[in-house]
Amino acid sequence: VSTQSTGSSGINAEYGRIRMSAFPTIKSTHSLVAKHVTKEKWDKLGAHKTATSGFTLGQAIACAVEFDNQHCGIYAGDWDSYKDFAAVFDPIIQEYHGISADAKHTSDMDFSKISGNVNPAAPVHSTRIRVGRSIDGFGLSPGITKEQRLGVGKLFKTASSN
């Protein structure tokens, strides 16, 4: 196994994946990760890997460990990340969005309920809609494996040929 240390942060690069063994030094000291990833939580969750893509808490917080300019500093590798690392994700999501611990997300895709329009006098010249894909059983962008990427490709190929 080829392992390359990147210094005192506690990060080692192994086959292009990030793993951390000791409690990491978080460079983004003002980030939500610095606030909510405590040694106690790290000791409990640091060695855990998610079932879907083997994602770790170390991979989830790598940007806050490597860079000093992160506000949140965390990314989920798959759906399991939200459940398995809930002790970290939940308070970060709650603080970032200003919601309570008992808040529930609802989704209503009925476009007929949308009313109003953009004020024609508003200085809006363009807009962007960000779409992220999430398919049950596959990792999200930070944690998807090569095999899962190929599986997603097969799903889309099948869907588009029908």
Protein backbone atom coordinates (compact mmCIF):
# COMPACT_ATOMS: atom_id res chain seq x y z
CA VAL A 1 0.00 0.00 0.00
CA SER A 2 1.40 3.31 -1.06
CA THR A 3 0.70 5.97 1.54
CA GLN A 4 1.80 9.58 1.30
CA SER A 5 1.55 11.83 4.33
CA THR A 6 0.59 15.46 3.81
CA GLY A 7 1.88 16.75 7.10
CA SER A 8 0.47 17.42 10.55
CA SER A 9 -3.19 17.53 9.50
CA GLY A 10 -3.56 13.80 10.04
CA ILE A 11 -4.53 13.17 6.41
CA ASN A 12 -2.97 10.42 4.38
CA ALA A 13 -3.60 9.89 0.66
CA GLU A 14 -4.10 6.22 -0.07
CA TYR A 15 -5.12 5.22 -3.59
CA GLY A 16 -6.56 8.70 -4.09
CA ARG A 17 -8.92 8.33 -1.11
CA ILE A 18 -8.59 10.32 2.08
CA ARG A 19 -8.43 8.56 5.41
CA MET A 20 -7.73 10.00 8.80
CA SER A 21 -6.84 8.02 11.87
CA ALA A 22 -6.13 10.61 14.56
CA PHE A 23 -8.40 13.55 15.34
CA PRO A 24 -7.59 15.93 12.46
CA THR A 25 -6.41 19.50 12.62
CA ILE A 26 -9.20 21.49 11.00
CA LYS A 27 -7.70 24.41 9.05
CA SER A 28 -11.08 26.09 8.57
CA THR A 29 -11.20 27.09 12.21
CA HIS A 30 -14.35 29.20 11.82
CA SER A 31 -16.27 26.51 9.90
CA LEU A 32 -19.28 24.59 11.09
CA VAL A 33 -17.12 21.46 10.94
CA ALA A 34 -14.68 23.01 13.44
CA LYS A 35 -17.62 23.74 15.72
CA HIS A 36 -19.41 20.40 15.46
CA VAL A 37 -16.71 17.78 14.85
CA THR A 38 -15.45 17.29 18.37
CA LYS A 39 -12.86 14.78 19.53
CA GLU A 40 -15.65 12.86 21.25
CA LYS A 41 -17.66 12.59 18.02
CA TRP A 42 -14.51 11.77 16.05
CA ASP A 43 -13.57 8.97 18.43
CA LYS A 44 -17.06 7.51 18.02
CA LEU A 45 -17.45 7.93 14.23
CA GLY A 46 -13.97 8.37 12.75
CA ALA A 47 -13.39 4.72 11.82
CA HIS A 48 -16.89 4.06 10.49
CA LYS A 49 -17.51 3.45 6.77
CA THR A 50 -20.93 3.78 5.15
CA ALA A 51 -22.53 0.71 3.59
CA THR A 52 -23.30 2.25 0.20
CA SER A 53 -19.87 3.55 -0.78
CA GLY A 54 -17.52 3.05 2.17
CA PHE A 55 -17.47 6.80 2.82
CA THR A 56 -15.86 8.00 6.06
CA LEU A 57 -16.26 11.05 8.25
CA GLY A 58 -12.68 11.93 7.31
CA GLN A 59 -13.66 12.07 3.65
CA ALA A 60 -16.77 14.10 4.49
CA ILE A 61 -14.76 16.81 6.30
CA ALA A 62 -11.63 16.71 4.13
CA CYS A 63 -12.19 20.18 2.64
CA ALA A 64 -12.35 21.78 6.12
CA VAL A 65 -9.17 19.95 7.09
CA GLU A 66 -7.26 20.83 3.93
CA PHE A 67 -8.43 24.42 3.38
CA ASP A 68 -8.77 27.41 5.70
CA ASN A 69 -11.67 29.13 3.91
CA GLN A 70 -14.64 26.80 4.34
CA HIS A 71 -17.92 27.93 5.92
CA CYS A 72 -19.62 24.54 6.25
CA GLY A 73 -16.75 22.25 5.28
CA ILE A 74 -18.63 18.97 4.89
CA TYR A 75 -19.98 16.86 2.02
CA ALA A 76 -22.06 13.68 2.16
CA GLY A 77 -20.67 10.78 0.17
CA ASP A 78 -23.99 8.93 0.03
CA TRP A 79 -27.39 8.83 1.72
CA ASP A 80 -25.91 6.72 4.53
CA SER A 81 -23.60 9.61 5.44
CA TYR A 82 -26.59 11.60 6.72
CA LYS A 83 -27.73 8.72 8.92
CA ASP A 84 -24.40 7.24 10.00
CA PHE A 85 -22.81 10.62 10.79
CA ALA A 86 -26.03 12.29 12.01
CA ALA A 87 -24.29 13.49 15.19
CA VAL A 88 -22.23 15.77 12.92
CA PHE A 89 -24.50 16.42 9.92
CA ASP A 90 -27.69 17.23 11.85
CA PRO A 91 -26.36 20.16 13.90
CA ILE A 92 -24.48 21.54 10.89
CA ILE A 93 -27.57 21.40 8.68
CA GLN A 94 -29.72 22.90 11.43
CA GLU A 95 -27.34 25.78 12.07
CA TYR A 96 -26.69 26.48 8.40
CA HIS A 97 -30.38 26.57 7.49
CA GLY A 98 -31.59 28.05 10.79
CA ILE A 99 -34.00 25.20 11.45
CA SER A 100 -34.87 23.33 14.61
CA ALA A 101 -33.93 19.74 15.33
CA ASP A 102 -37.53 18.61 14.78
CA ALA A 103 -37.97 20.36 11.40
CA LYS A 104 -39.27 18.15 8.58
CA HIS A 105 -38.46 18.59 4.91
CA THR A 106 -41.45 18.48 2.59
CA SER A 107 -41.44 18.35 -1.17
CA ASP A 108 -44.34 19.36 -3.38
CA MET A 109 -43.66 18.98 -7.10
CA ASP A 110 -47.13 20.21 -8.16
CA PHE A 111 -46.25 23.18 -10.39
CA SER A 112 -49.88 24.28 -10.51
CA LYS A 113 -49.48 25.55 -6.94
CA ILE A 114 -46.85 28.08 -8.01
CA SER A 115 -48.24 31.56 -8.32
CA GLY A 116 -46.74 34.90 -9.18
CA ASN A 117 -43.89 35.82 -11.40
CA VAL A 118 -40.64 37.72 -11.34
CA ASN A 119 -41.18 41.44 -11.12
CA PRO A 120 -40.44 42.75 -14.64
CA ALA A 121 -38.70 45.77 -13.10
CA ALA A 122 -36.30 43.56 -11.11
CA PRO A 123 -32.72 43.58 -12.41
CA VAL A 124 -32.68 39.81 -13.14
CA HIS A 125 -30.84 39.04 -16.37
CA SER A 126 -30.44 35.31 -15.94
CA THR A 127 -30.90 32.58 -13.41
CA ARG A 128 -29.47 29.16 -12.75
CA ILE A 129 -31.09 26.03 -11.45
CA ARG A 130 -28.75 23.61 -9.76
CA VAL A 131 -29.66 19.98 -10.09
CA GLY A 132 -27.93 17.24 -8.16
CA ARG A 133 -28.62 13.63 -8.89
CA SER A 134 -29.36 11.19 -6.17
CA ILE A 135 -30.25 7.59 -6.95
CA ASP A 136 -31.06 5.21 -4.12
CA GLY A 137 -28.27 2.70 -3.60
CA PHE A 138 -25.57 4.78 -5.30
CA GLY A 139 -23.05 7.16 -3.75
CA LEU A 140 -23.29 10.91 -4.21
CA SER A 141 -20.57 12.73 -6.16
CA PRO A 142 -17.99 12.82 -3.33
CA GLY A 143 -18.35 9.13 -2.52
CA ILE A 144 -19.50 7.31 -5.65
CA THR A 145 -17.32 4.37 -6.62
CA LYS A 146 -16.27 3.51 -10.17
CA GLU A 147 -18.60 0.50 -10.15
CA GLN A 148 -21.48 2.71 -9.03
CA ARG A 149 -20.74 5.28 -11.78
CA LEU A 150 -20.89 2.48 -14.33
CA GLY A 151 -24.17 1.29 -12.78
CA VAL A 152 -25.67 4.78 -13.07
CA GLY A 153 -24.60 4.85 -16.71
CA LYS A 154 -26.35 1.53 -17.35
CA LEU A 155 -29.52 2.83 -15.65
CA PHE A 156 -29.61 5.91 -17.85
CA LYS A 157 -28.82 3.93 -20.98
CA THR A 158 -31.72 1.58 -20.21
CA ALA A 159 -34.07 4.45 -19.34
CA SER A 160 -33.28 6.39 -22.51
CA SER A 161 -33.69 3.36 -24.78
CA ASN A 162 -37.26 2.67 -23.63
